[in-house]
Amino acid sequence: MRLRAVFMLLAGLLAASAAGAADKTMIVLDASGSMWGQIDGRSKIEIARETLASVLKSVPTGTELGLMVYGHREKGSCSDIELAVPPAAGTENAIAAFVNGLNPKGKTPLTQSVEQAADILKYTEEKATVVLVTDGLETCEADPCAIASALEQKGVDFTAHVVGFGLTEEEGKQVACLAENTGGKYFQASDASQLVAALTETVAEAPMSKPAEEVAEAEPEPVAAFNAEFDSTLSEGGPSLGDSDDVFWEIYKAGADGKPAGDYLESQYKGAFSGTYPAGKYIAVATLHSSIKRETPFEVKDGAVAKPFVNFDAAHIIVTPKRTPQDKEADADAAVEIAFGDYSTTYYGTAKFYASAGEVKVNGTLGPTKVTETFAVKAGETVERDLVIGSGIIINKAVYAEGGPAVDSGDVFFEVVEATKALDGSRKSLTNTYGTGTKLDVPAGDFVLTAKLGSATNEIPFSVKAGEMKEVVVNLNAGVLAVKAPGASSVEILTITKDIQGEHRNSIATLYGAEVQNTLPPGDYVLLVKFEGDVAPKEVNATVKAGERSEVAVQ
């Protein structure tokens, strides 16, 4: 998909949304983990960053624009929705800056996001427009069609436009109802021709556009011959970048100080292109893949063709993260971070990017396993490297007793800690999770897996190799104690033996309610049961056996 086409689509949507001076528009941007997926070799989040940065420069002055983002802070959370920039005039720079720092990772609660955006826009009191850009379908058990109908019914003048960013036609049908049920437009951003058609349709609806019949009758303006030829390359004497949309140009008038003045006159996503400009001095700013920027001044003179040229002095780099050198494919869970001056970009799986000639530093991460590599590149070359992140995978499981029943619970807490203890007896934690049968990335080496459920805890040492997946089972050596005490407010579980003075028993846990249970190490315990009202507390003895369930009734 061409970036220029995405730019045109978003510009059309924002222009249509901002037609009324009092209108408020909220961009709802998908920042779920799937935004690391690639289109034509580039991640969708990277495309979104560049296109929004360009689109926002063309927003009419006074437009009240806001930004809401979902899926960028937590994995697996349906409530990860943030009002990043409240709707107001002059927010374009703030929106661009926020989007530039996004690190997609979570789910796709698009329905709830649109609903929250409508509420913030006070859609029941004022005209409101939402522009949803999503690359995926709802993943949080919500019905976008139903919420669209509800918003349309309650709203004063509510409209939602939806951009299906890389969705298939069939997937698009599942979110198009958000637009259709509110009188908005659905745009399938899957190829340039469809985007151009969508832009034409949107511009035609804008109040300032000419009627269709007037447009049809108007004679086309003559196309002037170009007087500027722009070109770029990765190295001196190297081939032109030609049709590559990895290059983004902005053309400015030159100020008295020789620097870009005012807003850009034109922008292009292309390695080489031609243009026509009035005679004068200009500055061309070319950016390669959001990471390398170059400026070149040029002057347009009557009867001559200016030829602005940029040499990025850069290499094309492909980094494939793997758990072992023998792996054939990239590990999709591996994060590859590359620093570019004041900011960095993170890829998941294979990282394809450009870097200036010289030393390149890449950081690879798989769970707690981290590696850093530095290597030299030359201008014009394509460098392909494997980044080996020596990590294994363990599958966490637990049993109540040796040879006994397995623990099947999402409440059991697993933690991987270092095998060696510090002077104070503590061990450094590497990673953790809840639930049996879950997986954890672990560096190659010797470690300890601990498991805790209720008041029972145990551990087991283990070793894992890079690229290895193995099951590690912790024997909790515990049983389950279940207590039924009608009218009880709490049940405190105490050790049966008293302290050295013979006065107090150690408290293991306090549970609240008339029916409670807890997982405990085997042994004898005392239950202190307290009741509602003026009923006197009762003490009852209980015995727990490993791998068994003990039930106690207190009347």
Protein backbone atom coordinates (compact mmCIF):
# COMPACT_ATOMS: atom_id res chain seq x y z
CA MET A 1 0.00 0.00 0.00
CA ARG A 2 1.35 3.43 -0.94
CA LEU A 3 1.85 5.82 2.02
CA ARG A 4 0.73 8.71 -0.13
CA ALA A 5 -2.63 7.05 -0.57
CA VAL A 6 -3.03 6.65 3.20
CA PHE A 7 -2.09 10.31 3.58
CA MET A 8 -4.76 11.35 1.07
CA LEU A 9 -7.43 9.25 2.78
CA LEU A 10 -6.78 10.61 6.27
CA ALA A 11 -6.54 14.15 4.94
CA GLY A 12 -9.91 13.72 3.26
CA LEU A 13 -11.52 12.36 6.41
CA LEU A 14 -10.17 15.17 8.59
CA ALA A 15 -11.15 17.78 6.03
CA ALA A 16 -14.69 16.43 5.86
CA SER A 17 -14.93 16.14 9.66
CA ALA A 18 -13.68 19.69 10.22
CA ALA A 19 -16.02 21.31 7.68
CA GLY A 20 -18.07 23.01 10.40
CA ALA A 21 -16.19 25.56 12.47
CA ALA A 22 -17.80 24.34 15.71
CA ASP A 23 -17.36 20.62 14.99
CA LYS A 24 -15.17 18.46 17.21
CA THR A 25 -13.36 15.42 15.84
CA MET A 26 -11.66 12.56 17.69
CA ILE A 27 -9.13 10.31 15.96
CA VAL A 28 -9.30 6.83 17.50
CA LEU A 29 -6.06 5.03 16.62
CA ASP A 30 -5.39 1.31 16.84
CA ALA A 31 -2.13 0.64 18.72
CA SER A 32 -2.72 -3.07 19.34
CA GLY A 33 0.07 -5.60 18.86
CA SER A 34 -0.98 -6.36 15.28
CA MET A 35 0.14 -2.84 14.26
CA TRP A 36 3.67 -4.30 14.11
CA GLY A 37 2.47 -6.26 11.08
CA GLN A 38 4.01 -5.14 7.83
CA ILE A 39 2.71 -3.76 4.53
CA ASP A 40 5.23 -3.72 1.70
CA GLY A 41 8.05 -4.37 4.17
CA ARG A 42 7.12 -1.61 6.65
CA SER A 43 5.28 -1.87 9.96
CA LYS A 44 1.78 -0.41 10.04
CA ILE A 45 2.56 1.68 13.12
CA GLU A 46 5.49 3.27 11.31
CA ILE A 47 3.23 4.11 8.37
CA ALA A 48 0.66 5.58 10.78
CA ARG A 49 3.31 7.77 12.44
CA GLU A 50 4.51 9.25 9.15
CA THR A 51 1.10 9.75 7.56
CA LEU A 52 -0.45 11.35 10.63
CA ALA A 53 2.53 13.69 11.02
CA SER A 54 1.96 14.86 7.44
CA VAL A 55 -1.85 14.91 7.51
CA LEU A 56 -1.99 17.01 10.65
CA LYS A 57 -0.08 19.82 8.93
CA SER A 58 -3.01 20.28 6.54
CA VAL A 59 -5.73 20.49 9.20
CA PRO A 60 -7.58 23.85 8.90
CA THR A 61 -6.77 26.43 11.56
CA GLY A 62 -9.23 26.36 14.43
CA THR A 63 -10.21 22.71 13.99
CA GLU A 64 -10.91 21.10 17.37
CA LEU A 65 -9.11 17.77 17.11
CA GLY A 66 -8.34 15.08 19.71
CA LEU A 67 -6.65 11.68 19.88
CA MET A 68 -7.69 8.46 21.63
CA VAL A 69 -5.47 5.36 21.50
CA TYR A 70 -6.02 1.75 22.53
CA GLY A 71 -3.79 -1.27 23.08
CA HIS A 72 -0.50 0.57 23.66
CA ARG A 73 0.23 0.04 27.36
CA GLU A 74 -0.78 -3.49 28.37
CA LYS A 75 -0.96 -6.92 26.80
CA GLY A 76 -4.29 -8.74 27.13
CA SER A 77 -6.22 -5.78 28.59
CA CYS A 78 -9.59 -4.69 27.23
CA SER A 79 -9.49 -1.50 29.31
CA ASP A 80 -6.24 -0.17 27.84
CA ILE A 81 -7.85 2.93 26.30
CA GLU A 82 -6.32 6.38 26.74
CA LEU A 83 -7.47 9.87 25.88
CA ALA A 84 -4.02 10.93 24.68
CA VAL A 85 -4.89 14.47 23.53
CA PRO A 86 -8.21 16.13 24.51
CA PRO A 87 -10.04 17.74 21.57
CA ALA A 88 -9.04 21.36 21.10
CA ALA A 89 -7.72 23.74 18.47
CA GLY A 90 -3.98 23.63 17.74
CA THR A 91 -3.40 20.06 18.96
CA GLU A 92 -1.72 18.82 15.78
CA ASN A 93 1.84 18.81 17.15
CA ALA A 94 0.78 17.12 20.39
CA ILE A 95 -1.02 14.36 18.47
CA ALA A 96 1.95 13.76 16.17
CA ALA A 97 4.35 13.62 19.13
CA PHE A 98 2.19 11.12 21.03
CA VAL A 99 1.77 8.81 18.04
CA ASN A 100 5.53 8.91 17.41
CA GLY A 101 6.14 7.41 20.86
CA LEU A 102 3.62 4.56 20.63
CA ASN A 103 4.71 0.95 21.23
CA PRO A 104 1.80 -1.31 20.18
CA LYS A 105 1.29 -4.41 22.30
CA GLY A 106 -2.31 -5.05 23.39
CA LYS A 107 -5.82 -6.04 22.34
CA THR A 108 -8.41 -4.27 20.12
CA PRO A 109 -11.25 -2.78 22.21
CA LEU A 110 -12.40 -0.62 19.28
CA THR A 111 -16.09 -0.60 20.25
CA GLN A 112 -15.52 0.73 23.77
CA SER A 113 -12.97 3.23 22.41
CA VAL A 114 -15.48 4.72 19.96
CA GLU A 115 -18.10 4.88 22.72
CA GLN A 116 -15.70 6.67 25.08
CA ALA A 117 -14.68 9.08 22.31
CA ALA A 118 -18.35 9.92 21.69
CA ASP A 119 -18.90 10.59 25.40
CA ILE A 120 -15.88 12.92 25.56
CA LEU A 121 -17.21 14.80 22.52
CA LYS A 122 -20.57 15.23 24.33
CA TYR A 123 -22.34 13.62 21.39
CA THR A 124 -25.75 13.87 23.08
CA GLU A 125 -25.42 17.67 23.24
CA GLU A 126 -23.26 18.70 20.30
CA LYS A 127 -22.30 17.61 16.81
CA ALA A 128 -19.47 15.05 17.06
CA THR A 129 -17.31 13.07 14.63
CA VAL A 130 -15.05 10.08 15.26
CA VAL A 131 -12.44 8.83 12.77
CA LEU A 132 -11.48 5.24 13.68
CA VAL A 133 -8.28 3.82 12.15
CA THR A 134 -8.06 0.09 12.88
CA ASP A 135 -6.01 -2.77 11.49
CA GLY A 136 -7.99 -5.46 13.31
CA LEU A 137 -11.41 -6.59 14.47
CA GLU A 138 -12.95 -6.27 17.93
CA THR A 139 -11.22 -8.64 20.41
CA CYS A 140 -13.05 -7.68 23.60
CA GLU A 141 -16.47 -9.33 23.19
CA ALA A 142 -18.30 -6.15 22.16
CA ASP A 143 -20.68 -5.48 19.26
CA PRO A 144 -19.58 -2.48 17.14
CA CYS A 145 -22.81 -2.57 15.11
CA ALA A 146 -25.00 -2.34 18.22
CA ILE A 147 -23.03 0.52 19.78
CA ALA A 148 -23.12 2.42 16.47
CA SER A 149 -26.92 2.21 16.39
CA ALA A 150 -27.13 3.34 20.03
CA LEU A 151 -24.84 6.32 19.43
CA GLU A 152 -26.79 7.33 16.35
CA GLN A 153 -30.08 7.15 18.24
CA LYS A 154 -28.90 9.18 21.26
CA GLY A 155 -26.60 11.61 19.46
CA VAL A 156 -27.51 15.12 18.30
CA ASP A 157 -25.49 14.67 15.10
CA PHE A 158 -23.00 11.85 15.58
CA THR A 159 -20.92 10.42 12.73
CA ALA A 160 -18.21 7.76 12.69
CA HIS A 161 -15.86 7.23 9.74
CA VAL A 162 -13.87 3.98 9.72
CA VAL A 163 -10.58 3.24 7.95
CA GLY A 164 -9.92 -0.49 7.66
CA PHE A 165 -6.12 -0.35 7.62
CA GLY A 166 -4.98 -3.55 5.87
CA LEU A 167 -8.23 -5.43 6.55
CA THR A 168 -9.55 -7.91 4.03
CA GLU A 169 -12.87 -7.21 2.37
CA GLU A 170 -14.57 -9.79 4.58
CA GLU A 171 -13.02 -8.33 7.75
CA GLY A 172 -14.03 -4.85 6.65
CA LYS A 173 -17.70 -5.84 6.59
CA GLN A 174 -17.51 -6.58 10.31
CA VAL A 175 -16.51 -3.01 11.24
CA ALA A 176 -18.12 -1.07 8.40
CA CYS A 177 -21.39 -1.02 10.37
CA LEU A 178 -19.82 1.52 12.76
CA ALA A 179 -19.79 3.97 9.88
CA GLU A 180 -22.92 2.81 8.07
CA ASN A 181 -25.12 2.91 11.21
CA THR A 182 -24.08 6.50 11.96
CA GLY A 183 -24.22 7.93 8.43
CA GLY A 184 -20.45 7.85 8.06
CA LYS A 185 -18.15 6.29 5.47
CA TYR A 186 -16.14 3.07 5.54
CA PHE A 187 -12.84 3.09 3.62
CA GLN A 188 -11.01 -0.11 2.76
CA ALA A 189 -7.36 0.95 2.80
CA SER A 190 -6.06 -2.06 0.92
CA ASP A 191 -4.78 -0.53 -2.33
CA ALA A 192 -4.16 2.88 -3.87
CA SER A 193 -7.15 2.87 -6.25
CA GLN A 194 -9.67 2.25 -3.46
CA LEU A 195 -8.10 4.98 -1.34
CA VAL A 196 -8.22 7.50 -4.20
CA ALA A 197 -11.90 6.63 -4.77
CA ALA A 198 -12.60 7.11 -1.06
CA LEU A 199 -10.81 10.48 -1.08
CA THR A 200 -12.81 11.65 -4.09
CA GLU A 201 -16.05 10.66 -2.38
CA THR A 202 -15.08 12.43 0.85
CA VAL A 203 -13.94 15.65 -0.82
CA ALA A 204 -17.10 15.74 -2.92
CA GLU A 205 -19.12 15.81 0.28
CA ALA A 206 -17.19 18.70 1.80
CA PRO A 207 -19.30 21.91 1.87
CA MET A 208 -16.69 23.92 -0.02
CA SER A 209 -16.56 21.45 -2.91
CA LYS A 210 -18.18 22.27 -6.22
CA PRO A 211 -21.36 20.41 -7.26
CA ALA A 212 -20.63 17.30 -9.32
CA GLU A 213 -22.21 18.73 -12.45
CA GLU A 214 -20.11 21.90 -12.16
CA VAL A 215 -16.97 19.80 -11.79
CA ALA A 216 -17.94 17.77 -14.83
CA GLU A 217 -18.44 20.92 -16.92
CA ALA A 218 -15.22 22.62 -15.82
CA GLU A 219 -12.42 22.44 -18.31
CA PRO A 220 -9.18 20.90 -17.02
CA GLU A 221 -6.40 23.34 -16.33
CA PRO A 222 -3.35 22.93 -18.52
CA VAL A 223 -0.52 21.02 -16.85
CA ALA A 224 2.65 23.07 -16.74
CA ALA A 225 5.98 21.47 -17.67
CA PHE A 226 8.04 20.56 -14.58
CA ASN A 227 10.96 22.76 -13.60
CA ALA A 228 12.41 20.67 -10.75
CA GLU A 229 13.65 17.06 -10.71
CA PHE A 230 14.20 15.51 -7.30
CA ASP A 231 16.32 12.40 -6.76
CA SER A 232 17.86 10.47 -3.87
CA THR A 233 20.27 7.60 -3.30
CA LEU A 234 21.79 5.60 -0.46
CA SER A 235 25.37 6.25 -1.50
CA GLU A 236 27.45 8.47 -3.76
CA GLY A 237 27.15 7.11 -7.29
CA GLY A 238 24.61 4.50 -6.19
CA PRO A 239 21.29 3.76 -7.92
CA SER A 240 18.34 6.11 -7.53
CA LEU A 241 15.74 5.22 -4.89
CA GLY A 242 13.23 5.90 -7.66
CA ASP A 243 9.69 4.76 -6.79
CA SER A 244 10.55 3.77 -3.22
CA ASP A 245 8.02 5.20 -0.78
CA ASP A 246 10.61 4.89 2.00
CA VAL A 247 11.61 8.48 1.13
CA PHE A 248 9.39 11.34 2.29
CA TRP A 249 9.99 14.81 0.77
CA GLU A 250 8.78 18.18 2.02
CA ILE A 251 9.35 21.30 -0.11
CA TYR A 252 9.63 24.69 1.64
CA LYS A 253 10.33 28.22 0.57
CA ALA A 254 13.78 29.33 1.72
CA GLY A 255 13.84 32.03 4.39
CA ALA A 256 16.26 34.94 4.56
CA ASP A 257 18.46 32.78 6.83
CA GLY A 258 18.59 29.99 4.26
CA LYS A 259 16.39 27.72 6.37
CA PRO A 260 12.88 26.36 5.62
CA ALA A 261 10.23 29.06 6.09
CA GLY A 262 6.54 28.56 6.84
CA ASP A 263 4.54 25.44 6.06
CA TYR A 264 5.68 23.05 3.39
CA LEU A 265 4.36 23.67 -0.11
CA GLU A 266 4.26 20.03 -1.19
CA SER A 267 5.05 16.56 0.14
CA GLN A 268 5.82 13.32 -1.67
CA TYR A 269 6.51 9.71 -0.71
CA LYS A 270 8.94 8.77 -3.45
CA GLY A 271 12.65 8.41 -4.02
CA ALA A 272 12.50 10.52 -7.20
CA PHE A 273 9.81 12.79 -8.65
CA SER A 274 9.26 15.98 -10.67
CA GLY A 275 7.50 19.21 -9.72
CA THR A 276 6.69 22.70 -10.89
CA TYR A 277 7.28 25.82 -8.75
CA PRO A 278 7.41 29.59 -9.25
CA ALA A 279 10.88 31.07 -9.68
CA GLY A 280 12.60 31.44 -6.33
CA LYS A 281 14.73 29.77 -3.67
CA TYR A 282 13.59 26.63 -1.86
CA ILE A 283 14.67 23.99 0.65
CA ALA A 284 13.93 20.30 0.07
CA VAL A 285 13.80 18.19 3.24
CA ALA A 286 14.04 14.44 2.57
CA THR A 287 13.51 11.80 5.29
CA LEU A 288 14.41 8.15 4.81
CA HIS A 289 12.18 5.69 6.67
CA SER A 290 11.51 8.15 9.52
CA SER A 291 15.11 7.87 10.67
CA ILE A 292 17.54 9.81 8.45
CA LYS A 293 16.87 13.41 7.41
CA ARG A 294 18.70 15.50 4.84
CA GLU A 295 18.17 19.06 3.56
CA THR A 296 19.22 20.47 0.21
CA PRO A 297 18.66 24.04 -1.06
CA PHE A 298 17.72 24.64 -4.68
CA GLU A 299 16.71 27.56 -6.87
CA VAL A 300 14.09 27.58 -9.60
CA LYS A 301 14.94 29.87 -12.52
CA ASP A 302 12.89 30.68 -15.59
CA GLY A 303 13.73 28.40 -18.49
CA ALA A 304 15.84 26.02 -16.39
CA VAL A 305 15.27 22.74 -14.53
CA ALA A 306 16.56 22.55 -10.94
CA LYS A 307 17.85 19.14 -9.83
CA PRO A 308 17.80 18.81 -6.02
CA PHE A 309 19.68 15.66 -5.01
CA VAL A 310 20.08 13.90 -1.66
CA ASN A 311 22.63 11.25 -0.73
CA PHE A 312 21.47 9.62 2.51
CA ASP A 313 24.86 7.92 3.02
CA ALA A 314 23.02 4.97 4.54
CA ALA A 315 22.67 1.19 4.48
CA HIS A 316 19.59 -1.01 4.36
CA ILE A 317 19.64 -3.42 7.31
CA ILE A 318 17.63 -6.56 8.00
CA VAL A 319 17.94 -8.04 11.51
CA THR A 320 16.42 -11.46 12.21
CA PRO A 321 16.06 -12.28 15.94
CA LYS A 322 16.46 -15.97 16.82
CA ARG A 323 16.71 -18.08 19.97
CA THR A 324 19.56 -20.16 18.48
CA PRO A 325 21.80 -19.77 15.42
CA GLN A 326 20.18 -22.90 13.97
CA ASP A 327 16.64 -21.46 13.90
CA LYS A 328 15.31 -21.01 10.37
CA GLU A 329 12.75 -18.28 11.08
CA ALA A 330 12.62 -15.09 13.12
CA ASP A 331 11.04 -15.31 16.56
CA ALA A 332 7.89 -13.19 16.39
CA ASP A 333 7.96 -12.53 20.16
CA ALA A 334 11.45 -11.04 20.07
CA ALA A 335 11.76 -7.25 20.31
CA VAL A 336 14.51 -5.54 18.31
CA GLU A 337 15.22 -1.93 19.30
CA ILE A 338 17.27 0.46 17.19
CA ALA A 339 18.23 3.94 18.38
CA PHE A 340 18.18 6.84 15.92
CA GLY A 341 19.60 9.88 17.65
CA ASP A 342 17.01 11.16 20.12
CA TYR A 343 14.45 8.41 19.58
CA SER A 344 14.29 4.67 19.07
CA THR A 345 12.07 2.27 17.16
CA THR A 346 11.14 -1.24 18.28
CA TYR A 347 10.24 -4.06 15.89
CA TYR A 348 8.77 -7.44 16.79
CA GLY A 349 10.18 -10.24 14.69
CA THR A 350 12.28 -9.33 11.65
CA ALA A 351 13.44 -5.68 11.71
CA LYS A 352 13.95 -3.92 8.37
CA PHE A 353 15.32 -0.39 8.56
CA TYR A 354 17.91 2.10 7.28
CA ALA A 355 20.85 3.42 9.27
CA SER A 356 23.60 5.93 8.57
CA ALA A 357 26.96 4.51 7.53
CA GLY A 358 29.11 3.71 10.55
CA GLU A 359 28.33 1.79 13.71
CA VAL A 360 24.82 0.45 14.32
CA LYS A 361 23.67 -0.69 17.76
CA VAL A 362 20.72 -3.07 18.13
CA ASN A 363 19.15 -4.37 21.35
CA GLY A 364 17.27 -7.67 21.37
CA THR A 365 14.83 -8.78 24.08
CA LEU A 366 12.93 -12.00 24.73
CA GLY A 367 11.29 -11.79 28.15
CA PRO A 368 14.14 -11.23 30.65
CA THR A 369 16.81 -12.23 28.11
CA LYS A 370 18.60 -9.22 26.63
CA VAL A 371 21.46 -8.93 24.16
CA THR A 372 23.19 -6.00 22.47
CA GLU A 373 25.20 -6.07 19.26
CA THR A 374 27.15 -3.34 17.51
CA PHE A 375 28.35 -3.67 13.93
CA ALA A 376 29.63 -1.44 11.13
CA VAL A 377 27.79 -0.77 7.87
CA LYS A 378 28.76 0.99 4.66
CA ALA A 379 26.65 3.36 2.57
CA GLY A 380 24.68 1.67 -0.17
CA GLU A 381 24.99 -1.88 1.09
CA THR A 382 22.25 -4.23 2.29
CA VAL A 383 23.24 -5.96 5.52
CA GLU A 384 21.45 -9.05 6.77
CA ARG A 385 22.27 -10.22 10.30
CA ASP A 386 20.95 -12.75 12.78
CA LEU A 387 20.53 -11.51 16.34
CA VAL A 388 20.76 -14.54 18.62
CA ILE A 389 18.86 -14.05 21.90
CA GLY A 390 19.73 -17.21 23.87
CA SER A 391 16.37 -17.89 25.48
CA GLY A 392 14.42 -21.03 26.30
CA ILE A 393 10.77 -21.55 27.19
CA ILE A 394 9.36 -23.30 30.24
CA ILE A 395 5.78 -24.49 30.65
CA ASN A 396 4.74 -23.94 34.28
CA LYS A 397 2.79 -26.65 36.07
CA ALA A 398 2.13 -27.70 39.65
CA VAL A 399 0.81 -30.74 41.55
CA TYR A 400 -0.64 -31.00 45.06
CA ALA A 401 1.51 -34.03 45.92
CA GLU A 402 4.07 -36.33 44.34
CA GLY A 403 2.10 -38.50 41.95
CA GLY A 404 -1.04 -36.69 43.08
CA PRO A 405 -3.59 -34.47 41.32
CA ALA A 406 -2.46 -31.58 39.13
CA VAL A 407 -3.19 -28.01 40.13
CA ASP A 408 -5.62 -26.57 37.60
CA SER A 409 -5.97 -22.96 38.65
CA GLY A 410 -5.44 -19.51 37.27
CA ASP A 411 -4.61 -18.31 40.80
CA VAL A 412 -1.33 -20.17 41.21
CA PHE A 413 1.54 -17.69 41.01
CA PHE A 414 4.75 -18.84 39.29
CA GLU A 415 8.02 -16.94 39.53
CA VAL A 416 11.45 -17.67 38.05
CA VAL A 417 14.29 -16.57 40.32
CA GLU A 418 18.05 -16.91 40.16
CA ALA A 419 19.49 -20.08 41.64
CA THR A 420 22.11 -18.21 43.70
CA LYS A 421 20.95 -16.39 46.81
CA ALA A 422 22.16 -12.96 47.91
CA LEU A 423 23.77 -12.46 51.32
CA ASP A 424 20.37 -11.74 52.87
CA GLY A 425 18.98 -14.99 51.47
CA SER A 426 16.87 -13.37 48.77
CA ARG A 427 16.97 -14.30 45.09
CA LYS A 428 16.64 -11.95 42.14
CA SER A 429 13.36 -12.32 40.25
CA LEU A 430 13.55 -12.74 36.47
CA THR A 431 9.94 -13.16 35.38
CA ASN A 432 6.54 -14.33 36.65
CA THR A 433 3.02 -15.23 35.63
CA TYR A 434 -0.29 -16.59 36.92
CA GLY A 435 -1.96 -19.86 35.90
CA THR A 436 -0.87 -23.42 35.27
CA GLY A 437 0.15 -24.39 31.75
CA THR A 438 1.43 -20.90 30.95
CA LYS A 439 4.73 -20.25 29.20
CA LEU A 440 7.65 -18.11 30.28
CA ASP A 441 10.70 -16.99 28.32
CA VAL A 442 13.80 -17.74 30.38
CA PRO A 443 17.51 -17.14 29.63
CA ALA A 444 19.63 -20.25 29.08
CA GLY A 445 21.06 -21.44 32.41
CA ASP A 446 20.16 -22.73 35.89
CA PHE A 447 17.23 -21.21 37.77
CA VAL A 448 14.52 -21.95 40.34
CA LEU A 449 10.77 -22.01 39.67
CA THR A 450 8.59 -21.13 42.66
CA ALA A 451 4.85 -21.70 42.89
CA LYS A 452 2.39 -20.24 45.40
CA LEU A 453 -1.30 -21.05 45.83
CA GLY A 454 -3.21 -19.89 48.89
CA SER A 455 -0.91 -20.46 51.88
CA ALA A 456 1.17 -23.16 50.20
CA THR A 457 4.42 -22.49 48.40
CA ASN A 458 7.26 -24.59 47.07
CA GLU A 459 10.03 -24.49 44.49
CA ILE A 460 12.11 -26.63 42.18
CA PRO A 461 15.46 -25.99 40.49
CA PHE A 462 15.66 -26.43 36.72
CA SER A 463 17.99 -25.91 33.76
CA VAL A 464 17.04 -24.77 30.28
CA LYS A 465 18.97 -24.39 27.04
CA ALA A 466 18.58 -21.75 24.34
CA GLY A 467 15.80 -22.76 21.99
CA GLU A 468 14.60 -25.51 24.35
CA MET A 469 10.99 -25.80 25.51
CA LYS A 470 10.48 -27.90 28.63
CA GLU A 471 7.82 -28.56 31.23
CA VAL A 472 8.72 -27.71 34.82
CA VAL A 473 6.47 -29.09 37.58
CA VAL A 474 6.43 -27.78 41.15
CA ASN A 475 5.16 -30.11 43.88
CA LEU A 476 3.24 -27.83 46.23
CA ASN A 477 3.05 -30.66 48.83
CA ALA A 478 -0.31 -29.30 49.94
CA GLY A 479 -3.97 -30.07 50.39
CA VAL A 480 -7.18 -28.08 50.33
CA LEU A 481 -9.07 -27.22 53.50
CA ALA A 482 -12.76 -26.33 52.99
CA VAL A 483 -14.80 -24.86 55.85
CA LYS A 484 -18.58 -24.41 56.10
CA ALA A 485 -19.71 -22.29 59.06
CA PRO A 486 -23.25 -20.90 58.69
CA GLY A 487 -23.46 -17.34 60.02
CA ALA A 488 -19.70 -16.93 60.21
CA SER A 489 -18.08 -13.60 59.34
CA SER A 490 -14.49 -14.93 59.19
CA VAL A 491 -12.36 -18.03 59.62
CA GLU A 492 -8.79 -17.60 60.86
CA ILE A 493 -6.40 -20.50 60.31
CA LEU A 494 -3.80 -20.89 63.08
CA THR A 495 -0.93 -23.29 63.80
CA ILE A 496 -1.87 -25.87 66.42
CA THR A 497 1.33 -25.31 68.39
CA LYS A 498 1.79 -22.17 70.47
CA ASP A 499 4.86 -19.95 70.68
CA ILE A 500 7.69 -20.59 73.16
CA GLN A 501 5.80 -18.77 75.91
CA GLY A 502 2.79 -20.98 75.26
CA GLU A 503 0.54 -17.96 74.72
CA HIS A 504 -0.04 -17.42 70.98
CA ARG A 505 -0.45 -19.47 67.85
CA ASN A 506 0.87 -18.22 64.52
CA SER A 507 -1.82 -16.97 62.13
CA ILE A 508 -1.62 -18.57 58.67
CA ALA A 509 -4.53 -16.81 56.95
CA THR A 510 -7.85 -15.10 57.62
CA LEU A 511 -10.69 -15.86 55.24
CA TYR A 512 -14.00 -14.01 55.15
CA GLY A 513 -17.43 -15.56 54.68
CA ALA A 514 -19.46 -18.58 55.78
CA GLU A 515 -17.97 -20.93 53.16
CA VAL A 516 -14.23 -20.63 52.55
CA GLN A 517 -11.29 -22.72 51.45
CA ASN A 518 -7.53 -22.44 51.36
CA THR A 519 -4.55 -24.42 50.09
CA LEU A 520 -2.21 -25.38 52.96
CA PRO A 521 0.86 -27.50 53.69
CA PRO A 522 -0.02 -30.84 55.36
CA GLY A 523 -0.43 -30.73 59.12
CA ASP A 524 -2.76 -29.95 62.02
CA TYR A 525 -4.40 -26.55 62.38
CA VAL A 526 -6.83 -24.67 64.61
CA LEU A 527 -9.75 -22.79 63.06
CA LEU A 528 -10.92 -19.69 64.91
CA VAL A 529 -14.44 -19.02 63.62
CA LYS A 530 -16.07 -15.66 64.35
CA PHE A 531 -19.79 -15.12 63.83
CA GLU A 532 -22.07 -12.19 63.09
CA GLY A 533 -23.77 -10.50 66.04
CA ASP A 534 -23.22 -11.61 69.65
CA VAL A 535 -22.42 -15.27 68.93
CA ALA A 536 -19.24 -16.37 70.71
CA PRO A 537 -16.27 -17.44 68.54
CA LYS A 538 -15.54 -21.16 68.20
CA GLU A 539 -12.28 -23.08 67.87
CA VAL A 540 -12.16 -26.26 65.78
CA ASN A 541 -9.23 -28.52 64.97
CA ALA A 542 -8.55 -29.54 61.36
CA THR A 543 -6.04 -31.77 59.60
CA VAL A 544 -4.73 -31.28 56.07
CA LYS A 545 -3.13 -34.04 53.99
CA ALA A 546 -1.08 -33.49 50.84
CA GLY A 547 -3.07 -34.17 47.68
CA GLU A 548 -6.37 -34.42 49.55
CA ARG A 549 -9.38 -32.24 50.26
CA SER A 550 -10.45 -31.86 53.89
CA GLU A 551 -13.92 -30.55 54.69
CA VAL A 552 -14.88 -29.17 58.11
CA ALA A 553 -18.39 -28.15 59.20
CA VAL A 554 -18.74 -25.71 62.11
CA GLN A 555 -22.24 -25.40 63.58
